Amino acid sequence: MVYLPIASDSSRTVERRYITDSNVLETRFFCATGQVTLTDLLLVASEEFKQENLLPDHELIRELMCIDGEVQVEIDFCPRADYGSRPVRFRHGLLAAPELFAG
Protein backbone atom coordinates (compact mmCIF):
# COMPACT_ATOMS: atom_id res chain seq x y z
CA MET A 1 0.00 0.00 0.00
CA VAL A 2 1.29 3.45 -0.84
CA TYR A 3 -0.17 6.58 0.66
CA LEU A 4 0.50 9.18 -2.03
CA PRO A 5 -1.86 12.14 -1.83
CA ILE A 6 -1.42 14.95 -4.31
CA ALA A 7 -3.43 18.07 -3.55
CA SER A 8 -3.50 21.83 -3.69
CA ASP A 9 -4.68 24.01 -0.82
CA SER A 10 -5.90 26.60 -3.30
CA SER A 11 -8.31 24.27 -5.14
CA ARG A 12 -11.66 25.92 -5.77
CA THR A 13 -13.13 23.10 -7.83
CA VAL A 14 -12.07 19.50 -8.46
CA GLU A 15 -13.43 17.39 -11.34
CA ARG A 16 -12.79 13.67 -11.88
CA ARG A 17 -13.53 11.43 -14.84
CA TYR A 18 -12.38 8.12 -16.27
CA ILE A 19 -11.03 8.21 -19.80
CA THR A 20 -13.52 6.29 -21.97
CA ASP A 21 -13.13 2.48 -21.88
CA SER A 22 -10.05 2.59 -19.63
CA ASN A 23 -8.87 2.48 -16.03
CA VAL A 24 -7.23 5.90 -16.40
CA LEU A 25 -8.56 8.48 -13.94
CA GLU A 26 -8.15 12.16 -14.75
CA THR A 27 -8.51 14.68 -11.91
CA ARG A 28 -8.54 18.39 -12.66
CA PHE A 29 -7.80 20.95 -9.95
CA PHE A 30 -9.09 24.45 -10.73
CA CYS A 31 -7.28 26.95 -8.49
CA ALA A 32 -7.17 30.71 -8.11
CA THR A 33 -3.72 30.82 -9.75
CA GLY A 34 -4.11 28.14 -12.44
CA GLN A 35 -5.12 24.61 -13.32
CA VAL A 36 -3.39 21.24 -12.94
CA THR A 37 -4.37 17.79 -14.17
CA LEU A 38 -3.49 14.61 -12.31
CA THR A 39 -3.65 11.42 -14.38
CA ASP A 40 -3.68 8.07 -12.57
CA LEU A 41 -3.14 4.71 -14.26
CA LEU A 42 -3.09 1.38 -12.46
CA LEU A 43 -1.25 -1.05 -14.71
CA VAL A 44 -2.59 -4.58 -14.63
CA ALA A 45 -1.66 -7.59 -16.73
CA SER A 46 -3.25 -10.93 -17.49
CA GLU A 47 -2.19 -13.93 -15.41
CA GLU A 48 -0.68 -15.49 -18.54
CA PHE A 49 1.42 -12.40 -19.26
CA LYS A 50 2.62 -12.22 -15.63
CA GLN A 51 3.71 -15.87 -15.72
CA GLU A 52 5.82 -15.28 -18.85
CA ASN A 53 7.36 -11.92 -17.88
CA LEU A 54 9.21 -10.68 -14.81
CA LEU A 55 7.19 -7.62 -13.90
CA PRO A 56 5.70 -6.02 -10.78
CA ASP A 57 2.38 -7.45 -9.65
CA HIS A 58 0.75 -4.06 -10.12
CA GLU A 59 2.02 -0.55 -10.67
CA LEU A 60 0.48 2.89 -10.12
CA ILE A 61 1.63 5.61 -12.50
CA ARG A 62 0.75 9.21 -11.65
CA GLU A 63 1.40 12.22 -13.87
CA LEU A 64 0.83 15.77 -12.66
CA MET A 65 0.76 18.46 -15.33
CA CYS A 66 0.26 22.20 -14.98
CA ILE A 67 -2.22 23.23 -17.68
CA ASP A 68 -2.51 26.94 -16.93
CA GLY A 69 -0.80 29.46 -14.65
CA GLU A 70 1.09 28.36 -11.54
CA VAL A 71 -0.25 26.05 -8.85
CA GLN A 72 1.52 25.01 -5.67
CA VAL A 73 0.87 21.35 -4.85
CA GLU A 74 1.80 19.11 -1.96
CA ILE A 75 2.93 15.54 -2.59
CA ASP A 76 3.27 13.22 0.40
CA PHE A 77 4.96 9.88 -0.45
CA CYS A 78 4.53 7.45 2.42
CA PRO A 79 4.67 3.75 1.38
CA ARG A 80 3.46 1.17 3.91
CA ALA A 81 3.15 -2.62 4.12
CA ASP A 82 0.46 -4.82 5.64
CA TYR A 83 -2.39 -2.40 4.90
CA GLY A 84 -0.54 0.57 6.30
CA SER A 85 0.67 -0.97 9.56
CA ARG A 86 4.42 -1.22 8.75
CA PRO A 87 6.89 1.13 7.03
CA VAL A 88 8.93 -0.10 4.08
CA ARG A 89 12.52 0.37 2.90
CA PHE A 90 13.87 1.18 -0.54
CA ARG A 91 16.43 -0.74 -2.60
CA HIS A 92 17.56 -0.79 -6.23
CA GLY A 93 15.78 -3.44 -8.26
CA LEU A 94 16.07 -4.69 -11.81
CA LEU A 95 17.38 -2.10 -14.24
CA ALA A 96 18.05 0.21 -11.26
CA ALA A 97 14.31 0.73 -10.74
CA PRO A 98 13.54 1.43 -7.08
CA GLU A 99 11.76 -1.30 -5.14
CA LEU A 100 9.96 -1.07 -1.84
CA PHE A 101 10.09 -3.93 0.63
CA ALA A 102 9.08 -4.64 4.20
CA GLY A 103 11.13 -6.73 6.55
PDB file of N, CA and C in Angstrom:
ATOM      1  N   MET A   1       0.845  -1.160   0.000  1.00  0.00           N
ATOM      2  CA  MET A   1       0.000   0.000   0.000  1.00  0.00           C
ATOM      3  C   MET A   1       0.898   1.233   0.000  1.00  0.00           C
ATOM      4  N   VAL A   2       0.547   2.199  -0.812  1.00  0.00           N
ATOM      5  CA  VAL A   2       1.292   3.454  -0.842  1.00  0.00           C
ATOM      6  C   VAL A   2       0.317   4.590  -0.608  1.00  0.00           C
ATOM      7  N   TYR A   3       0.611   5.376   0.382  1.00  0.00           N
ATOM      8  CA  TYR A   3      -0.166   6.577   0.655  1.00  0.00           C
ATOM      9  C   TYR A   3       0.515   7.696  -0.112  1.00  0.00           C
ATOM     10  N   LEU A   4      -0.127   8.194  -1.163  1.00  0.00           N
ATOM     11  CA  LEU A   4       0.501   9.182  -2.033  1.00  0.00           C
ATOM     12  C   LEU A   4      -0.500  10.260  -2.426  1.00  0.00           C
ATOM     13  N   PRO A   5      -0.921  11.080  -1.467  1.00  0.00           N
ATOM     14  CA  PRO A   5      -1.863  12.139  -1.825  1.00  0.00           C
ATOM     15  C   PRO A   5      -1.168  13.261  -2.595  1.00  0.00           C
ATOM     16  N   ILE A   6      -1.871  13.782  -3.555  1.00  0.00           N
ATOM     17  CA  ILE A   6      -1.421  14.950  -4.309  1.00  0.00           C
ATOM     18  C   ILE A   6      -2.578  15.933  -4.263  1.00  0.00           C
ATOM     19  N   ALA A   7      -2.344  17.117  -3.719  1.00  0.00           N
ATOM     20  CA  ALA A   7      -3.431  18.072  -3.549  1.00  0.00           C
ATOM     21  C   ALA A   7      -2.901  19.494  -3.590  1.00  0.00           C
ATOM     22  N   SER A   8      -3.829  20.415  -3.740  1.00  0.00           N
ATOM     23  CA  SER A   8      -3.499  21.830  -3.690  1.00  0.00           C
ATOM     24  C   SER A   8      -4.435  22.498  -2.691  1.00  0.00           C
ATOM     25  N   ASP A   9      -3.857  23.293  -1.800  1.00  0.00           N
ATOM     26  CA  ASP A   9      -4.675  24.005  -0.815  1.00  0.00           C
ATOM     27  C   ASP A   9      -5.545  25.073  -1.463  1.00  0.00           C
ATOM     28  N   SER A  10      -5.168  25.510  -2.660  1.00  0.00           N
ATOM     29  CA  SER A  10      -5.900  26.598  -3.299  1.00  0.00           C
ATOM     30  C   SER A  10      -6.974  26.106  -4.267  1.00  0.00           C
ATOM     31  N   SER A  11      -7.299  24.807  -4.229  1.00  0.00           N
ATOM     32  CA  SER A  11      -8.314  24.271  -5.142  1.00  0.00           C
ATOM     33  C   SER A  11      -9.676  24.884  -4.852  1.00  0.00           C
ATOM     34  N   ARG A  12     -10.294  25.416  -5.892  1.00  0.00           N
ATOM     35  CA  ARG A  12     -11.660  25.920  -5.769  1.00  0.00           C
ATOM     36  C   ARG A  12     -12.648  24.851  -6.211  1.00  0.00           C
ATOM     37  N   THR A  13     -12.271  24.136  -7.270  1.00  0.00           N
ATOM     38  CA  THR A  13     -13.125  23.096  -7.830  1.00  0.00           C
ATOM     39  C   THR A  13     -12.254  21.919  -8.231  1.00  0.00           C
ATOM     40  N   VAL A  14     -12.765  20.711  -8.031  1.00  0.00           N
ATOM     41  CA  VAL A  14     -12.075  19.499  -8.464  1.00  0.00           C
ATOM     42  C   VAL A  14     -13.053  18.684  -9.298  1.00  0.00           C
ATOM     43  N   GLU A  15     -12.604  18.235 -10.473  1.00  0.00           N
ATOM     44  CA  GLU A  15     -13.426  17.387 -11.343  1.00  0.00           C
ATOM     45  C   GLU A  15     -12.676  16.095 -11.609  1.00  0.00           C
ATOM     46  N   ARG A  16     -13.403  14.971 -11.588  1.00  0.00           N
ATOM     47  CA  ARG A  16     -12.792  13.666 -11.875  1.00  0.00           C
ATOM     48  C   ARG A  16     -13.587  12.967 -12.964  1.00  0.00           C
ATOM     49  N   ARG A  17     -12.859  12.239 -13.817  1.00  0.00           N
ATOM     50  CA  ARG A  17     -13.529  11.434 -14.838  1.00  0.00           C
ATOM     51  C   ARG A  17     -12.584  10.328 -15.275  1.00  0.00           C
ATOM     52  N   TYR A  18     -13.170   9.201 -15.676  1.00  0.00           N
ATOM     53  CA  TYR A  18     -12.384   8.123 -16.267  1.00  0.00           C
ATOM     54  C   TYR A  18     -12.337   8.340 -17.769  1.00  0.00           C
ATOM     55  N   ILE A  19     -11.161   8.160 -18.352  1.00  0.00           N
ATOM     56  CA  ILE A  19     -11.033   8.214 -19.803  1.00  0.00           C
ATOM     57  C   ILE A  19     -11.854   7.047 -20.356  1.00  0.00           C
ATOM     58  N   THR A  20     -12.596   7.278 -21.409  1.00  0.00           N
ATOM     59  CA  THR A  20     -13.516   6.291 -21.971  1.00  0.00           C
ATOM     60  C   THR A  20     -12.863   4.928 -22.177  1.00  0.00           C
ATOM     61  N   ASP A  21     -13.549   3.880 -21.715  1.00  0.00           N
ATOM     62  CA  ASP A  21     -13.126   2.484 -21.880  1.00  0.00           C
ATOM     63  C   ASP A  21     -11.717   2.224 -21.349  1.00  0.00           C
ATOM     64  N   SER A  22     -11.388   2.796 -20.195  1.00  0.00           N
ATOM     65  CA  SER A  22     -10.047   2.589 -19.632  1.00  0.00           C
ATOM     66  C   SER A  22     -10.113   2.622 -18.107  1.00  0.00           C
ATOM     67  N   ASN A  23      -8.991   2.319 -17.482  1.00  0.00           N
ATOM     68  CA  ASN A  23      -8.872   2.476 -16.032  1.00  0.00           C
ATOM     69  C   ASN A  23      -7.982   3.677 -15.710  1.00  0.00           C
ATOM     70  N   VAL A  24      -8.000   4.670 -16.581  1.00  0.00           N
ATOM     71  CA  VAL A  24      -7.229   5.903 -16.404  1.00  0.00           C
ATOM     72  C   VAL A  24      -8.153   6.964 -15.809  1.00  0.00           C
ATOM     73  N   LEU A  25      -7.780   7.450 -14.623  1.00  0.00           N
ATOM     74  CA  LEU A  25      -8.561   8.478 -13.940  1.00  0.00           C
ATOM     75  C   LEU A  25      -7.885   9.827 -14.133  1.00  0.00           C
ATOM     76  N   GLU A  26      -8.657  10.806 -14.568  1.00  0.00           N
ATOM     77  CA  GLU A  26      -8.150  12.161 -14.752  1.00  0.00           C
ATOM     78  C   GLU A  26      -8.825  13.060 -13.722  1.00  0.00           C
ATOM     79  N   THR A  27      -8.005  13.752 -12.919  1.00  0.00           N
ATOM     80  CA  THR A  27      -8.510  14.676 -11.906  1.00  0.00           C
ATOM     81  C   THR A  27      -8.001  16.064 -12.239  1.00  0.00           C
ATOM     82  N   ARG A  28      -8.917  17.008 -12.356  1.00  0.00           N
ATOM     83  CA  ARG A  28      -8.543  18.395 -12.655  1.00  0.00           C
ATOM     84  C   ARG A  28      -8.774  19.257 -11.425  1.00  0.00           C
ATOM     85  N   PHE A  29      -7.732  20.015 -11.068  1.00  0.00           N
ATOM     86  CA  PHE A  29      -7.802  20.948  -9.954  1.00  0.00           C
ATOM     87  C   PHE A  29      -7.858  22.359 -10.540  1.00  0.00           C
ATOM     88  N   PHE A  30      -8.942  23.063 -10.285  1.00  0.00           N
ATOM     89  CA  PHE A  30      -9.085  24.445 -10.729  1.00  0.00           C
ATOM     90  C   PHE A  30      -8.809  25.336  -9.526  1.00  0.00           C
ATOM     91  N   CYS A  31      -7.746  26.131  -9.615  1.00  0.00           N
ATOM     92  CA  CYS A  31      -7.284  26.948  -8.492  1.00  0.00           C
ATOM     93  C   CYS A  31      -7.323  28.418  -8.871  1.00  0.00           C
ATOM     94  N   ALA A  32      -7.166  29.264  -7.878  1.00  0.00           N
ATOM     95  CA  ALA A  32      -7.167  30.706  -8.115  1.00  0.00           C
ATOM     96  C   ALA A  32      -6.026  31.128  -9.027  1.00  0.00           C
ATOM     97  N   THR A  33      -4.906  30.408  -8.984  1.00  0.00           N
ATOM     98  CA  THR A  33      -3.723  30.815  -9.748  1.00  0.00           C
ATOM     99  C   THR A  33      -3.480  29.983 -11.005  1.00  0.00           C
ATOM    100  N   GLY A  34      -4.312  28.962 -11.249  1.00  0.00           N
ATOM    101  CA  GLY A  34      -4.113  28.140 -12.441  1.00  0.00           C
ATOM    102  C   GLY A  34      -4.862  26.824 -12.364  1.00  0.00           C
ATOM    103  N   GLN A  35      -4.462  25.908 -13.240  1.00  0.00           N
ATOM    104  CA  GLN A  35      -5.125  24.606 -13.323  1.00  0.00           C
ATOM    105  C   GLN A  35      -4.080  23.514 -13.498  1.00  0.00           C
ATOM    106  N   VAL A  36      -4.245  22.405 -12.763  1.00  0.00           N
ATOM    107  CA  VAL A  36      -3.388  21.240 -12.937  1.00  0.00           C
ATOM    108  C   VAL A  36      -4.262  20.016 -13.178  1.00  0.00           C
ATOM    109  N   THR A  37      -3.687  19.056 -13.907  1.00  0.00           N
ATOM    110  CA  THR A  37      -4.370  17.795 -14.171  1.00  0.00           C
ATOM    111  C   THR A  37      -3.516  16.659 -13.639  1.00  0.00           C
ATOM    112  N   LEU A  38      -4.130  15.805 -12.844  1.00  0.00           N
ATOM    113  CA  LEU A  38      -3.489  14.609 -12.312  1.00  0.00           C
ATOM    114  C   LEU A  38      -4.078  13.409 -13.042  1.00  0.00           C
ATOM    115  N   THR A  39      -3.213  12.615 -13.671  1.00  0.00           N
ATOM    116  CA  THR A  39      -3.651  11.418 -14.385  1.00  0.00           C
ATOM    117  C   THR A  39      -3.118  10.200 -13.646  1.00  0.00           C
ATOM    118  N   ASP A  40      -4.023   9.296 -13.291  1.00  0.00           N
ATOM    119  CA  ASP A  40      -3.677   8.069 -12.569  1.00  0.00           C
ATOM    120  C   ASP A  40      -3.964   6.860 -13.442  1.00  0.00           C
ATOM    121  N   LEU A  41      -2.987   5.954 -13.509  1.00  0.00           N
ATOM    122  CA  LEU A  41      -3.141   4.710 -14.258  1.00  0.00           C
ATOM    123  C   LEU A  41      -2.647   3.570 -13.388  1.00  0.00           C
ATOM    124  N   LEU A  42      -3.494   2.581 -13.167  1.00  0.00           N
ATOM    125  CA  LEU A  42      -3.092   1.376 -12.456  1.00  0.00           C
ATOM    126  C   LEU A  42      -2.870   0.295 -13.503  1.00  0.00           C
ATOM    127  N   LEU A  43      -1.583  -0.037 -13.715  1.00  0.00           N
ATOM    128  CA  LEU A  43      -1.247  -1.054 -14.712  1.00  0.00           C
ATOM    129  C   LEU A  43      -1.583  -2.434 -14.175  1.00  0.00           C
ATOM    130  N   VAL A  44      -2.278  -3.194 -14.969  1.00  0.00           N
ATOM    131  CA  VAL A  44      -2.590  -4.580 -14.629  1.00  0.00           C
ATOM    132  C   VAL A  44      -2.307  -5.432 -15.857  1.00  0.00           C
ATOM    133  N   ALA A  45      -1.960  -6.679 -15.625  1.00  0.00           N
ATOM    134  CA  ALA A  45      -1.659  -7.591 -16.732  1.00  0.00           C
ATOM    135  C   ALA A  45      -2.418  -8.892 -16.518  1.00  0.00           C
ATOM    136  N   SER A  46      -2.585  -9.631 -17.587  1.00  0.00           N
ATOM    137  CA  SER A  46      -3.251 -10.927 -17.489  1.00  0.00           C
ATOM    138  C   SER A  46      -2.361 -11.892 -16.715  1.00  0.00           C
ATOM    139  N   GLU A  47      -2.966 -12.916 -16.137  1.00  0.00           N
ATOM    140  CA  GLU A  47      -2.191 -13.926 -15.409  1.00  0.00           C
ATOM    141  C   GLU A  47      -1.185 -14.599 -16.337  1.00  0.00           C
ATOM    142  N   GLU A  48      -1.582 -14.856 -17.561  1.00  0.00           N
ATOM    143  CA  GLU A  48      -0.682 -15.489 -18.536  1.00  0.00           C
ATOM    144  C   GLU A  48       0.539 -14.611 -18.796  1.00  0.00           C
ATOM    145  N   PHE A  49       0.322 -13.323 -18.995  1.00  0.00           N
ATOM    146  CA  PHE A  49       1.423 -12.405 -19.257  1.00  0.00           C
ATOM    147  C   PHE A  49       2.362 -12.338 -18.056  1.00  0.00           C
ATOM    148  N   LYS A  50       1.792 -12.297 -16.834  1.00  0.00           N
ATOM    149  CA  LYS A  50       2.617 -12.220 -15.626  1.00  0.00           C
ATOM    150  C   LYS A  50       3.460 -13.477 -15.431  1.00  0.00           C
ATOM    151  N   GLN A  51       2.950 -14.631 -15.858  1.00  0.00           N
ATOM    152  CA  GLN A  51       3.711 -15.872 -15.725  1.00  0.00           C
ATOM    153  C   GLN A  51       4.890 -15.921 -16.688  1.00  0.00           C
ATOM    154  N   GLU A  52       4.779 -15.232 -17.822  1.00  0.00           N
ATOM    155  CA  GLU A  52       5.818 -15.275 -18.853  1.00  0.00           C
ATOM    156  C   GLU A  52       6.805 -14.125 -18.762  1.00  0.00           C
ATOM    157  N   ASN A  53       6.519 -13.115 -17.949  1.00  0.00           N
ATOM    158  CA  ASN A  53       7.357 -11.920 -17.880  1.00  0.00           C
ATOM    159  C   ASN A  53       7.625 -11.556 -16.428  1.00  0.00           C
ATOM    160  N   LEU A  54       8.833 -11.096 -16.156  1.00  0.00           N
ATOM    161  CA  LEU A  54       9.215 -10.679 -14.815  1.00  0.00           C
ATOM    162  C   LEU A  54       8.860  -9.203 -14.641  1.00  0.00           C
ATOM    163  N   LEU A  55       7.699  -8.974 -14.067  1.00  0.00           N
ATOM    164  CA  LEU A  55       7.192  -7.615 -13.898  1.00  0.00           C
ATOM    165  C   LEU A  55       6.573  -7.460 -12.515  1.00  0.00           C
ATOM    166  N   PRO A  56       6.401  -6.222 -12.056  1.00  0.00           N
ATOM    167  CA  PRO A  56       5.702  -6.021 -10.785  1.00  0.00           C
ATOM    168  C   PRO A  56       4.276  -6.557 -10.865  1.00  0.00           C
ATOM    169  N   ASP A  57       3.743  -6.950  -9.722  1.00  0.00           N
ATOM    170  CA  ASP A  57       2.376  -7.451  -9.649  1.00  0.00           C
ATOM    171  C   ASP A  57       1.374  -6.407 -10.132  1.00  0.00           C
ATOM    172  N   HIS A  58       1.566  -5.184  -9.693  1.00  0.00           N
ATOM    173  CA  HIS A  58       0.747  -4.056 -10.122  1.00  0.00           C
ATOM    174  C   HIS A  58       1.582  -2.789  -9.942  1.00  0.00           C
ATOM    175  N   GLU A  59       1.205  -1.770 -10.669  1.00  0.00           N
ATOM    176  CA  GLU A  59       2.015  -0.554 -10.668  1.00  0.00           C
ATOM    177  C   GLU A  59       1.099   0.644 -10.857  1.00  0.00           C
ATOM    178  N   LEU A  60       1.248   1.654 -10.006  1.00  0.00           N
ATOM    179  CA  LEU A  60       0.484   2.885 -10.123  1.00  0.00           C
ATOM    180  C   LEU A  60       1.376   3.947 -10.747  1.00  0.00           C
ATOM    181  N   ILE A  61       0.901   4.529 -11.828  1.00  0.00           N
ATOM    182  CA  ILE A  61       1.633   5.605 -12.500  1.00  0.00           C
ATOM    183  C   ILE A  61       0.801   6.872 -12.356  1.00  0.00           C
ATOM    184  N   ARG A  62       1.437   7.930 -11.845  1.00  0.00           N
ATOM    185  CA  ARG A  62       0.751   9.208 -11.649  1.00  0.00           C
ATOM    186  C   ARG A  62       1.527  10.297 -12.383  1.00  0.00           C
ATOM    187  N   GLU A  63       0.797  11.095 -13.149  1.00  0.00           N
ATOM    188  CA  GLU A  63       1.401  12.221 -13.865  1.00  0.00           C
ATOM    189  C   GLU A  63       0.659  13.487 -13.461  1.00  0.00           C
ATOM    190  N   LEU A  64       1.404  14.485 -13.043  1.00  0.00           N
ATOM    191  CA  LEU A  64       0.831  15.771 -12.661  1.00  0.00           C
ATOM    192  C   LEU A  64       1.329  16.813 -13.648  1.00  0.00           C
ATOM    193  N   MET A  65       0.391  17.498 -14.295  1.00  0.00           N
ATOM    194  CA  MET A  65       0.764  18.463 -15.331  1.00  0.00           C
ATOM    195  C   MET A  65       0.059  19.794 -15.078  1.00  0.00           C
ATOM    196  N   CYS A  66       0.838  20.868 -15.106  1.00  0.00           N
ATOM    197  CA  CYS A  66       0.263  22.201 -14.984  1.00  0.00           C
ATOM    198  C   CYS A  66      -0.280  22.604 -16.352  1.00  0.00           C
ATOM    199  N   ILE A  67      -1.561  22.894 -16.421  1.00  0.00           N
ATOM    200  CA  ILE A  67      -2.223  23.233 -17.679  1.00  0.00           C
ATOM    201  C   ILE A  67      -2.239  24.737 -17.904  1.00  0.00           C
ATOM    202  N   ASP A  68      -2.382  25.491 -16.805  1.00  0.00           N
ATOM    203  CA  ASP A  68      -2.509  26.938 -16.933  1.00  0.00           C
ATOM    204  C   ASP A  68      -2.008  27.601 -15.654  1.00  0.00           C
ATOM    205  N   GLY A  69      -1.250  28.688 -15.803  1.00  0.00           N
ATOM    206  CA  GLY A  69      -0.800  29.456 -14.650  1.00  0.00           C
ATOM    207  C   GLY A  69       0.232  28.728 -13.810  1.00  0.00           C
ATOM    208  N   GLU A  70       0.202  28.996 -12.513  1.00  0.00           N
ATOM    209  CA  GLU A  70       1.094  28.356 -11.541  1.00  0.00           C
ATOM    210  C   GLU A  70       0.258  27.875 -10.365  1.00  0.00           C
ATOM    211  N   VAL A  71       0.489  26.631  -9.965  1.00  0.00           N
ATOM    212  CA  VAL A  71      -0.252  26.052  -8.846  1.00  0.00           C
ATOM    213  C   VAL A  71       0.739  25.355  -7.926  1.00  0.00           C
ATOM    214  N   GLN A  72       0.678  25.680  -6.653  1.00  0.00           N
ATOM    215  CA  GLN A  72       1.523  25.007  -5.672  1.00  0.00           C
ATOM    216  C   GLN A  72       0.789  23.758  -5.199  1.00  0.00           C
ATOM    217  N   VAL A  73       1.476  22.615  -5.275  1.00  0.00           N
ATOM    218  CA  VAL A  73       0.868  21.352  -4.848  1.00  0.00           C
ATOM    219  C   VAL A  73       1.729  20.711  -3.767  1.00  0.00           C
ATOM    220  N   GLU A  74       1.097  19.869  -2.988  1.00  0.00           N
ATOM    221  CA  GLU A  74       1.803  19.114  -1.960  1.00  0.00           C
ATOM    222  C   GLU A  74       1.711  17.638  -2.308  1.00  0.00           C
ATOM    223  N   ILE A  75       2.866  16.965  -2.315  1.00  0.00           N
ATOM    224  CA  ILE A  75       2.935  15.537  -2.590  1.00  0.00           C
ATOM    225  C   ILE A  75       3.543  14.867  -1.364  1.00  0.00           C
ATOM    226  N   ASP A  76       2.824  13.923  -0.796  1.00  0.00           N
ATOM    227  CA  ASP A  76       3.272  13.218   0.402  1.00  0.00           C
ATOM    228  C   ASP A  76       3.434  11.745   0.043  1.00  0.00           C
ATOM    229  N   PHE A  77       4.675  11.270  -0.077  1.00  0.00           N
ATOM    230  CA  PHE A  77       4.956   9.882  -0.454  1.00  0.00           C
ATOM    231  C   PHE A  77       5.259   9.093   0.804  1.00  0.00           C
ATOM    232  N   CYS A  78       4.386   8.183   1.169  1.00  0.00           N
ATOM    233  CA  CYS A  78       4.528   7.445   2.421  1.00  0.00           C
ATOM    234  C   CYS A  78       4.127   5.984   2.206  1.00  0.00           C
ATOM    235  N   PRO A  79       5.017   5.161   1.623  1.00  0.00           N
ATOM    236  CA  PRO A  79       4.671   3.753   1.385  1.00  0.00           C
ATOM    237  C   PRO A  79       4.582   2.970   2.687  1.00  0.00           C
ATOM    238  N   ARG A  80       3.674   2.007   2.737  1.00  0.00           N
ATOM    239  CA  ARG A  80       3.460   1.167   3.914  1.00  0.00           C
ATOM    240  C   ARG A  80       3.177  -0.264   3.471  1.00  0.00           C
ATOM    241  N   ALA A  81       3.452  -1.204   4.365  1.00  0.00           N
ATOM    242  CA  ALA A  81       3.152  -2.618   4.117  1.00  0.00           C
ATOM    243  C   ALA A  81       2.042  -3.071   5.062  1.00  0.00           C
ATOM    244  N   ASP A  82       1.508  -4.232   4.789  1.00  0.00           N
ATOM    245  CA  ASP A  82       0.462  -4.819   5.642  1.00  0.00           C
ATOM    246  C   ASP A  82      -0.678  -3.836   5.902  1.00  0.00           C
ATOM    247  N   TYR A  83      -1.243  -3.322   4.828  1.00  0.00           N
ATOM    248  CA  TYR A  83      -2.392  -2.405   4.897  1.00  0.00           C
ATOM    249  C   TYR A  83      -2.113  -1.184   5.764  1.00  0.00           C
ATOM    250  N   GLY A  84      -0.905  -0.664   5.626  1.00  0.00           N
ATOM    251  CA  GLY A  84      -0.540   0.573   6.300  1.00  0.00           C
ATOM    252  C   GLY A  84       0.039   0.428   7.691  1.00  0.00           C
ATOM    253  N   SER A  85       0.213  -0.799   8.176  1.00  0.00           N
ATOM    254  CA  SER A  85       0.670  -0.974   9.556  1.00  0.00           C
ATOM    255  C   SER A  85       2.188  -0.946   9.721  1.00  0.00           C
ATOM    256  N   ARG A  86       2.951  -1.174   8.634  1.00  0.00           N
ATOM    257  CA  ARG A  86       4.419  -1.221   8.754  1.00  0.00           C
ATOM    258  C   ARG A  86       5.077  -0.356   7.677  1.00  0.00           C
ATOM    259  N   PRO A  87       6.145   0.367   8.047  1.00  0.00           N
ATOM    260  CA  PRO A  87       6.888   1.125   7.034  1.00  0.00           C
ATOM    261  C   PRO A  87       7.696   0.187   6.140  1.00  0.00           C
ATOM    262  N   VAL A  88       8.123   0.693   5.012  1.00  0.00           N
ATOM    263  CA  VAL A  88       8.930  -0.102   4.080  1.00  0.00           C
ATOM    264  C   VAL A  88      10.272   0.577   3.849  1.00  0.00           C
ATOM    265  N   ARG A  89      11.206  -0.174   3.259  1.00  0.00           N
ATOM    266  CA  ARG A  89      12.519   0.368   2.903  1.00  0.00           C
ATOM    267  C   ARG A  89      12.670   0.316   1.389  1.00  0.00           C
ATOM    268  N   PHE A  90      13.598   1.122   0.889  1.00  0.00           N
ATOM    269  CA  PHE A  90      13.874   1.181  -0.542  1.00  0.00           C
ATOM    270  C   PHE A  90      15.137   0.403  -0.865  1.00  0.00           C
ATOM    271  N   ARG A  91      15.200  -0.145  -2.078  1.00  0.00           N
ATOM    272  CA  ARG A  91      16.430  -0.736  -2.605  1.00  0.00           C
ATOM    273  C   ARG A  91      16.363  -0.650  -4.123  1.00  0.00           C
ATOM    274  N   HIS A  92      17.523  -0.789  -4.768  1.00  0.00           N
ATOM    275  CA  HIS A  92      17.564  -0.788  -6.229  1.00  0.00           C
ATOM    276  C   HIS A  92      17.163  -2.166  -6.729  1.00  0.00           C
ATOM    277  N   GLY A  93      16.253  -2.181  -7.695  1.00  0.00           N
ATOM    278  CA  GLY A  93      15.782  -3.437  -8.262  1.00  0.00           C
ATOM    279  C   GLY A  93      16.357  -3.660  -9.644  1.00  0.00           C
ATOM    280  N   LEU A  94      15.651  -4.432 -10.435  1.00  0.00           N
ATOM    281  CA  LEU A  94      16.068  -4.695 -11.809  1.00  0.00           C
ATOM    282  C   LEU A  94      16.165  -3.393 -12.585  1.00  0.00           C
ATOM    283  N   LEU A  95      17.170  -3.284 -13.397  1.00  0.00           N
ATOM    284  CA  LEU A  95      17.384  -2.104 -14.242  1.00  0.00           C
ATOM    285  C   LEU A  95      17.428  -0.819 -13.416  1.00  0.00           C
ATOM    286  N   ALA A  96      17.889  -0.931 -12.177  1.00  0.00           N
ATOM    287  CA  ALA A  96      18.049   0.209 -11.260  1.00  0.00           C
ATOM    288  C   ALA A  96      16.725   0.858 -10.873  1.00  0.00           C
ATOM    289  N   ALA A  97      15.611   0.193 -11.152  1.00  0.00           N
ATOM    290  CA  ALA A  97      14.314   0.726 -10.735  1.00  0.00           C
ATOM    291  C   ALA A  97      14.181   0.557  -9.225  1.00  0.00           C
ATOM    292  N   PRO A  98      13.681   1.568  -8.532  1.00  0.00           N
ATOM    293  CA  PRO A  98      13.543   1.432  -7.082  1.00  0.00           C
ATOM    294  C   PRO A  98      12.471   0.409  -6.726  1.00  0.00           C
ATOM    295  N   GLU A  99      12.733  -0.344  -5.664  1.00  0.00           N
ATOM    296  CA  GLU A  99      11.764  -1.300  -5.143  1.00  0.00           C
ATOM    297  C   GLU A  99      11.504  -0.971  -3.682  1.00  0.00           C
ATOM    298  N   LEU A 100      10.315  -1.244  -3.235  1.00  0.00           N
ATOM    299  CA  LEU A 100       9.955  -1.071  -1.840  1.00  0.00           C
ATOM    300  C   LEU A 100       9.794  -2.449  -1.233  1.00  0.00           C
ATOM    301  N   PHE A 101      10.298  -2.638  -0.020  1.00  0.00           N
ATOM    302  CA  PHE A 101      10.095  -3.928   0.628  1.00  0.00           C
ATOM    303  C   PHE A 101       9.975  -3.744   2.133  1.00  0.00           C
ATOM    304  N   ALA A 102       9.262  -4.661   2.748  1.00  0.00           N
ATOM    305  CA  ALA A 102       9.085  -4.637   4.198  1.00  0.00           C
ATOM    306  C   ALA A 102       9.828  -5.819   4.780  1.00  0.00           C
ATOM    307  N   GLY A 103      10.451  -5.608   5.917  1.00  0.00           N
ATOM    308  CA  GLY A 103      11.133  -6.728   6.548  1.00  0.00           C
ATOM    309  C   GLY A 103      12.447  -6.337   7.145  1.00  0.00           C
TER     310      GLY A 103
END
